[in-house]
Each structure stands twice: as structure tokens, then as C-alpha cells.
Amino acid sequence: MPFIKRDPTGQIAALFREEVVEATEYLPPTHPEVQAFFGTMAGNSNETNGSSVAEFRPDMMQSDLAMIRVYEDLIDILISKHVVVLTDFPPAAQEKLMRRKRLRSSFSNLTEALEITDEDGII
């Protein structure tokens, strides 16, 4: 998330968790346009414990993103210890887990390829 749908003026009109026909453009949750959209949705007049919902959203979103990684790692541990098997999950969840695992693996390989060590003599 989020895939975005823009209105005729180019502003974000809607956010979608998954890509759909009308929303194929992806922006990271921390992108200023996405943050502005959340602020517009929440409105600056909604008060929660003395601070506006719009101010609270970015912190909550960062926390959600960090927790997603924890959940991924937890699922990997449970699968490796044979507590659950991938096929215990619904097909849509299996697909998302495998796609995420491939994505993380590709970034891991890229990071290793770009690593510079003293042994290489590259500075």
C-alpha cells in the first residue's frame, strides 16, 4: 500500500491496498502526497489527546510499517519450525507472502553485490 487513484486535477482521490484497474500508480506511505491525503481525510479539526489526527497518522504509519516486518519474520519462524505450513494460509495470502519473500530476497542479493569491503581494495 498504497496504490493511488488521481482525480482530473492530478490530486490523490483514493488509496488502495492492492493494485486495481483505476489505481496502478504506487507511492510509498511516507511520500508527501500520501501524507497530505491522510491529513486531508482526517481533517485538522479532529482532536485526539490534544493533537490532531493528521499529526498522529505518520507516527502510526511508521509503526505499522515496522510491525509488518515483525509479522513477516514471525511467519518465517513459524514455517521454519513446522508450526504452520505455507498451505495453511489462504491462496491470496500465500501469493502475497511469496511475492514479499522474493522481493526481500532480490534486495538482499542487490545489497550483497553492491557491498564494498577493504579486501576488494575499492574505496
N, C-alpha and C. Protein backbone atom coordinates (compact mmCIF):
# COMPACT_ATOMS: atom_id res chain seq x y z
N MET A 1 0.84 -1.16 0.00
CA MET A 1 0.00 0.00 0.00
C MET A 1 0.89 1.22 0.00
N PRO A 2 0.48 2.26 -0.58
CA PRO A 2 -0.79 2.47 -1.27
C PRO A 2 -0.62 2.63 -2.78
N PHE A 3 -1.56 2.04 -3.47
CA PHE A 3 -1.71 2.35 -4.88
C PHE A 3 -2.71 3.50 -4.92
N ILE A 4 -2.45 4.45 -5.78
CA ILE A 4 -3.26 5.66 -5.75
C ILE A 4 -4.07 5.85 -7.02
N LYS A 5 -5.20 6.49 -6.82
CA LYS A 5 -6.05 6.93 -7.93
C LYS A 5 -6.05 8.44 -7.87
N ARG A 6 -5.82 9.07 -9.00
CA ARG A 6 -5.78 10.54 -9.04
C ARG A 6 -7.07 11.08 -9.64
N ASP A 7 -7.44 12.28 -9.21
CA ASP A 7 -8.60 12.96 -9.79
C ASP A 7 -8.15 13.70 -11.05
N PRO A 8 -9.07 14.32 -11.78
CA PRO A 8 -8.70 15.02 -13.03
C PRO A 8 -7.65 16.11 -12.85
N THR A 9 -7.52 16.65 -11.64
CA THR A 9 -6.53 17.71 -11.41
C THR A 9 -5.16 17.14 -11.03
N GLY A 10 -5.07 15.81 -10.90
CA GLY A 10 -3.80 15.20 -10.55
C GLY A 10 -3.61 14.95 -9.06
N GLN A 11 -4.60 15.33 -8.26
CA GLN A 11 -4.52 15.11 -6.82
C GLN A 11 -4.96 13.68 -6.48
N ILE A 12 -4.47 13.15 -5.38
CA ILE A 12 -4.87 11.82 -4.95
C ILE A 12 -6.34 11.86 -4.55
N ALA A 13 -7.11 10.94 -5.15
CA ALA A 13 -8.54 10.86 -4.86
C ALA A 13 -8.87 9.65 -3.99
N ALA A 14 -8.03 8.59 -4.09
CA ALA A 14 -8.29 7.38 -3.32
C ALA A 14 -7.00 6.58 -3.19
N LEU A 15 -6.93 5.79 -2.14
CA LEU A 15 -5.80 4.88 -1.91
C LEU A 15 -6.33 3.45 -1.89
N PHE A 16 -5.55 2.52 -2.45
CA PHE A 16 -5.92 1.11 -2.47
C PHE A 16 -4.77 0.29 -1.93
N ARG A 17 -5.09 -0.74 -1.19
CA ARG A 17 -4.08 -1.63 -0.64
C ARG A 17 -3.37 -2.41 -1.75
N GLU A 18 -4.13 -2.81 -2.76
CA GLU A 18 -3.58 -3.58 -3.88
C GLU A 18 -3.85 -2.84 -5.18
N GLU A 19 -3.06 -3.17 -6.19
CA GLU A 19 -3.23 -2.55 -7.49
C GLU A 19 -4.57 -2.96 -8.10
N VAL A 20 -5.30 -1.99 -8.59
CA VAL A 20 -6.56 -2.22 -9.29
C VAL A 20 -6.53 -1.43 -10.59
N VAL A 21 -7.50 -1.68 -11.45
CA VAL A 21 -7.50 -1.06 -12.78
C VAL A 21 -7.38 0.45 -12.70
N GLU A 22 -8.12 1.08 -11.79
CA GLU A 22 -8.10 2.54 -11.71
C GLU A 22 -6.97 3.10 -10.85
N ALA A 23 -6.20 2.20 -10.23
CA ALA A 23 -5.10 2.66 -9.37
C ALA A 23 -3.87 1.78 -9.60
N THR A 24 -3.04 2.19 -10.54
CA THR A 24 -1.84 1.42 -10.86
C THR A 24 -0.56 2.12 -10.41
N GLU A 25 -0.68 3.37 -10.02
CA GLU A 25 0.50 4.12 -9.58
C GLU A 25 0.76 3.83 -8.10
N TYR A 26 1.99 3.47 -7.78
CA TYR A 26 2.36 3.19 -6.39
C TYR A 26 3.18 4.34 -5.84
N LEU A 27 2.86 4.75 -4.62
CA LEU A 27 3.68 5.70 -3.88
C LEU A 27 3.91 5.12 -2.49
N PRO A 28 5.10 5.27 -1.94
CA PRO A 28 5.34 4.76 -0.59
C PRO A 28 4.48 5.52 0.42
N PRO A 29 4.11 4.86 1.52
CA PRO A 29 3.27 5.51 2.53
C PRO A 29 3.86 6.80 3.09
N THR A 30 5.17 6.94 3.02
CA THR A 30 5.82 8.14 3.56
C THR A 30 5.90 9.29 2.55
N HIS A 31 5.46 9.05 1.33
CA HIS A 31 5.50 10.09 0.29
C HIS A 31 4.65 11.29 0.73
N PRO A 32 5.14 12.51 0.50
CA PRO A 32 4.41 13.71 0.95
C PRO A 32 2.97 13.78 0.44
N GLU A 33 2.72 13.34 -0.79
CA GLU A 33 1.36 13.39 -1.31
C GLU A 33 0.44 12.44 -0.55
N VAL A 34 0.95 11.27 -0.19
CA VAL A 34 0.16 10.31 0.57
C VAL A 34 -0.11 10.85 1.97
N GLN A 35 0.94 11.42 2.58
CA GLN A 35 0.77 12.00 3.91
C GLN A 35 -0.25 13.15 3.88
N ALA A 36 -0.19 13.97 2.84
CA ALA A 36 -1.14 15.07 2.71
C ALA A 36 -2.56 14.54 2.54
N PHE A 37 -2.70 13.46 1.78
CA PHE A 37 -4.03 12.86 1.60
C PHE A 37 -4.58 12.37 2.94
N PHE A 38 -3.75 11.70 3.73
CA PHE A 38 -4.19 11.26 5.05
C PHE A 38 -4.58 12.45 5.92
N GLY A 39 -3.82 13.52 5.84
CA GLY A 39 -4.15 14.72 6.60
C GLY A 39 -5.47 15.31 6.17
N THR A 40 -5.74 15.31 4.86
CA THR A 40 -7.00 15.83 4.33
C THR A 40 -8.16 14.96 4.78
N MET A 41 -7.97 13.64 4.75
CA MET A 41 -9.02 12.72 5.17
C MET A 41 -9.34 12.90 6.65
N ALA A 42 -8.30 13.01 7.48
CA ALA A 42 -8.51 13.09 8.92
C ALA A 42 -9.04 14.45 9.32
N GLY A 43 -8.63 15.48 8.60
CA GLY A 43 -9.04 16.84 8.95
C GLY A 43 -8.25 17.34 10.14
N ASN A 44 -7.92 18.58 10.15
CA ASN A 44 -7.12 19.13 11.23
C ASN A 44 -7.94 19.49 12.45
N SER A 45 -9.27 19.40 12.36
CA SER A 45 -10.10 19.79 13.49
C SER A 45 -10.41 18.63 14.43
N ASN A 46 -10.10 17.40 14.05
CA ASN A 46 -10.35 16.25 14.91
C ASN A 46 -9.26 16.16 15.95
N GLU A 47 -9.61 16.34 17.18
CA GLU A 47 -8.62 16.34 18.25
C GLU A 47 -8.61 15.00 18.96
N THR A 48 -7.42 14.48 19.24
CA THR A 48 -7.25 13.26 20.00
C THR A 48 -6.13 13.49 20.99
N ASN A 49 -6.46 13.57 22.25
CA ASN A 49 -5.48 13.82 23.30
C ASN A 49 -4.65 15.07 23.03
N GLY A 50 -5.28 16.11 22.53
CA GLY A 50 -4.59 17.38 22.37
C GLY A 50 -3.84 17.53 21.07
N SER A 51 -3.74 16.49 20.25
CA SER A 51 -3.06 16.63 18.96
C SER A 51 -4.01 16.19 17.86
N SER A 52 -3.82 16.75 16.69
CA SER A 52 -4.73 16.41 15.60
C SER A 52 -4.43 15.02 15.07
N VAL A 53 -5.46 14.38 14.50
CA VAL A 53 -5.31 13.06 13.90
C VAL A 53 -4.29 13.12 12.79
N ALA A 54 -4.27 14.23 12.04
CA ALA A 54 -3.32 14.37 10.93
C ALA A 54 -1.88 14.31 11.43
N GLU A 55 -1.62 14.86 12.62
CA GLU A 55 -0.27 14.79 13.17
C GLU A 55 0.06 13.40 13.66
N PHE A 56 -0.93 12.66 14.09
CA PHE A 56 -0.73 11.33 14.66
C PHE A 56 -0.50 10.28 13.58
N ARG A 57 -1.11 10.42 12.44
CA ARG A 57 -1.07 9.42 11.36
C ARG A 57 0.35 9.00 10.94
N PRO A 58 1.27 9.92 10.66
CA PRO A 58 2.59 9.48 10.21
C PRO A 58 3.30 8.58 11.22
N ASP A 59 3.18 8.88 12.51
CA ASP A 59 3.80 8.02 13.52
C ASP A 59 3.16 6.64 13.52
N MET A 60 1.85 6.61 13.40
CA MET A 60 1.14 5.34 13.40
C MET A 60 1.52 4.54 12.15
N MET A 61 1.64 5.21 11.02
CA MET A 61 2.00 4.53 9.79
C MET A 61 3.42 3.94 9.89
N GLN A 62 4.35 4.70 10.46
CA GLN A 62 5.71 4.20 10.64
C GLN A 62 5.70 2.96 11.54
N SER A 63 4.89 3.02 12.59
CA SER A 63 4.77 1.87 13.48
C SER A 63 4.19 0.67 12.74
N ASP A 64 3.19 0.89 11.92
CA ASP A 64 2.60 -0.20 11.13
C ASP A 64 3.63 -0.82 10.20
N LEU A 65 4.43 0.02 9.54
CA LEU A 65 5.44 -0.50 8.62
C LEU A 65 6.48 -1.34 9.37
N ALA A 66 6.86 -0.90 10.56
CA ALA A 66 7.82 -1.67 11.35
C ALA A 66 7.21 -2.99 11.80
N MET A 67 5.94 -2.97 12.16
CA MET A 67 5.28 -4.20 12.60
C MET A 67 5.11 -5.20 11.47
N ILE A 68 4.93 -4.71 10.26
CA ILE A 68 4.81 -5.62 9.11
C ILE A 68 6.05 -6.50 9.02
N ARG A 69 7.22 -5.91 9.20
CA ARG A 69 8.46 -6.67 9.15
C ARG A 69 8.50 -7.72 10.26
N VAL A 70 8.02 -7.35 11.44
CA VAL A 70 7.96 -8.29 12.56
C VAL A 70 7.06 -9.47 12.21
N TYR A 71 5.89 -9.18 11.62
CA TYR A 71 4.97 -10.24 11.24
C TYR A 71 5.57 -11.16 10.17
N GLU A 72 6.26 -10.57 9.22
CA GLU A 72 6.93 -11.38 8.19
C GLU A 72 7.93 -12.34 8.84
N ASP A 73 8.74 -11.80 9.73
CA ASP A 73 9.74 -12.62 10.41
C ASP A 73 9.09 -13.70 11.26
N LEU A 74 8.00 -13.37 11.92
CA LEU A 74 7.27 -14.35 12.74
C LEU A 74 6.74 -15.48 11.88
N ILE A 75 6.16 -15.14 10.75
CA ILE A 75 5.65 -16.17 9.83
C ILE A 75 6.79 -17.06 9.36
N ASP A 76 7.93 -16.47 9.00
CA ASP A 76 9.09 -17.26 8.57
C ASP A 76 9.54 -18.22 9.68
N ILE A 77 9.57 -17.75 10.92
CA ILE A 77 9.97 -18.60 12.04
C ILE A 77 8.99 -19.75 12.23
N LEU A 78 7.70 -19.44 12.20
CA LEU A 78 6.69 -20.48 12.39
C LEU A 78 6.76 -21.54 11.28
N ILE A 79 7.00 -21.10 10.06
CA ILE A 79 7.13 -22.04 8.95
C ILE A 79 8.40 -22.87 9.10
N SER A 80 9.52 -22.24 9.45
CA SER A 80 10.79 -22.98 9.58
C SER A 80 10.74 -24.00 10.71
N LYS A 81 9.94 -23.73 11.76
CA LYS A 81 9.82 -24.67 12.88
C LYS A 81 8.67 -25.66 12.67
N HIS A 82 8.07 -25.61 11.49
CA HIS A 82 6.98 -26.51 11.11
C HIS A 82 5.76 -26.40 12.03
N VAL A 83 5.55 -25.21 12.58
CA VAL A 83 4.35 -24.94 13.37
C VAL A 83 3.17 -24.73 12.42
N VAL A 84 3.44 -24.05 11.32
CA VAL A 84 2.46 -23.87 10.25
C VAL A 84 3.17 -24.16 8.94
N VAL A 85 2.39 -24.44 7.93
CA VAL A 85 2.95 -24.59 6.58
C VAL A 85 2.31 -23.53 5.70
N LEU A 86 3.01 -23.17 4.66
CA LEU A 86 2.53 -22.12 3.78
C LEU A 86 1.11 -22.39 3.29
N THR A 87 0.80 -23.66 3.04
CA THR A 87 -0.52 -24.01 2.52
C THR A 87 -1.63 -23.86 3.56
N ASP A 88 -1.28 -23.59 4.82
CA ASP A 88 -2.30 -23.29 5.84
C ASP A 88 -2.96 -21.93 5.58
N PHE A 89 -2.26 -21.07 4.86
CA PHE A 89 -2.76 -19.74 4.57
C PHE A 89 -3.68 -19.78 3.35
N PRO A 90 -4.63 -18.86 3.28
CA PRO A 90 -5.48 -18.78 2.07
C PRO A 90 -4.60 -18.48 0.84
N PRO A 91 -5.05 -18.90 -0.34
CA PRO A 91 -4.24 -18.69 -1.56
C PRO A 91 -3.78 -17.25 -1.76
N ALA A 92 -4.64 -16.28 -1.49
CA ALA A 92 -4.24 -14.88 -1.67
C ALA A 92 -3.11 -14.51 -0.72
N ALA A 93 -3.18 -15.00 0.51
CA ALA A 93 -2.11 -14.72 1.49
C ALA A 93 -0.82 -15.43 1.09
N GLN A 94 -0.92 -16.67 0.58
CA GLN A 94 0.26 -17.39 0.12
C GLN A 94 0.97 -16.61 -0.97
N GLU A 95 0.18 -16.11 -1.92
CA GLU A 95 0.76 -15.34 -3.03
C GLU A 95 1.48 -14.09 -2.52
N LYS A 96 0.87 -13.38 -1.58
CA LYS A 96 1.48 -12.16 -1.04
C LYS A 96 2.74 -12.48 -0.26
N LEU A 97 2.71 -13.56 0.51
CA LEU A 97 3.90 -13.95 1.28
C LEU A 97 5.05 -14.32 0.35
N MET A 98 4.76 -15.08 -0.70
CA MET A 98 5.81 -15.48 -1.64
C MET A 98 6.34 -14.29 -2.42
N ARG A 99 5.45 -13.39 -2.83
CA ARG A 99 5.89 -12.19 -3.56
C ARG A 99 6.80 -11.34 -2.67
N ARG A 100 6.42 -11.20 -1.42
CA ARG A 100 7.22 -10.40 -0.48
C ARG A 100 8.58 -11.05 -0.23
N LYS A 101 8.59 -12.40 -0.09
CA LYS A 101 9.83 -13.12 0.13
C LYS A 101 10.77 -12.95 -1.07
N ARG A 102 10.22 -13.04 -2.29
CA ARG A 102 11.04 -12.84 -3.49
C ARG A 102 11.59 -11.41 -3.54
N LEU A 103 10.76 -10.45 -3.20
CA LEU A 103 11.18 -9.05 -3.21
C LEU A 103 12.31 -8.81 -2.22
N ARG A 104 12.16 -9.30 -1.00
CA ARG A 104 13.20 -9.15 0.02
C ARG A 104 14.47 -9.86 -0.40
N SER A 105 14.33 -11.02 -1.01
CA SER A 105 15.49 -11.77 -1.47
C SER A 105 16.23 -11.01 -2.57
N SER A 106 15.50 -10.41 -3.49
CA SER A 106 16.15 -9.67 -4.58
C SER A 106 16.90 -8.47 -4.04
N PHE A 107 16.36 -7.79 -3.03
CA PHE A 107 17.06 -6.66 -2.43
C PHE A 107 18.28 -7.13 -1.67
N SER A 108 18.19 -8.29 -1.03
CA SER A 108 19.32 -8.84 -0.30
C SER A 108 20.47 -9.13 -1.26
N ASN A 109 20.15 -9.73 -2.40
CA ASN A 109 21.19 -10.03 -3.40
C ASN A 109 21.80 -8.75 -3.95
N LEU A 110 20.99 -7.73 -4.17
CA LEU A 110 21.48 -6.46 -4.68
C LEU A 110 22.41 -5.81 -3.67
N THR A 111 22.03 -5.84 -2.41
CA THR A 111 22.85 -5.25 -1.36
C THR A 111 24.21 -5.95 -1.28
N GLU A 112 24.19 -7.28 -1.36
CA GLU A 112 25.45 -8.03 -1.31
C GLU A 112 26.33 -7.69 -2.50
N ALA A 113 25.74 -7.52 -3.67
CA ALA A 113 26.51 -7.22 -4.88
C ALA A 113 27.14 -5.83 -4.80
N LEU A 114 26.48 -4.90 -4.13
CA LEU A 114 26.98 -3.54 -4.05
C LEU A 114 27.90 -3.30 -2.85
N GLU A 115 28.02 -4.28 -1.96
CA GLU A 115 28.86 -4.09 -0.77
C GLU A 115 30.31 -3.91 -1.16
N ILE A 116 30.93 -2.95 -0.52
CA ILE A 116 32.35 -2.67 -0.77
C ILE A 116 33.11 -3.02 0.50
N THR A 117 34.12 -3.87 0.36
CA THR A 117 34.91 -4.25 1.52
C THR A 117 36.36 -3.84 1.30
N ASP A 118 37.13 -3.81 2.38
CA ASP A 118 38.54 -3.47 2.30
C ASP A 118 39.30 -4.50 1.47
N GLU A 119 38.85 -5.75 1.48
CA GLU A 119 39.53 -6.80 0.74
C GLU A 119 39.51 -6.53 -0.76
N ASP A 120 38.47 -5.87 -1.24
CA ASP A 120 38.35 -5.58 -2.65
C ASP A 120 39.33 -4.50 -3.09
N GLY A 121 39.80 -3.71 -2.14
CA GLY A 121 40.69 -2.63 -2.48
C GLY A 121 39.98 -1.48 -3.16
N ILE A 122 38.66 -1.47 -3.03
CA ILE A 122 37.86 -0.40 -3.65
C ILE A 122 37.48 0.59 -2.57
N ILE A 123 37.69 1.84 -2.85
CA ILE A 123 37.36 2.86 -1.87
C ILE A 123 36.38 3.84 -2.48
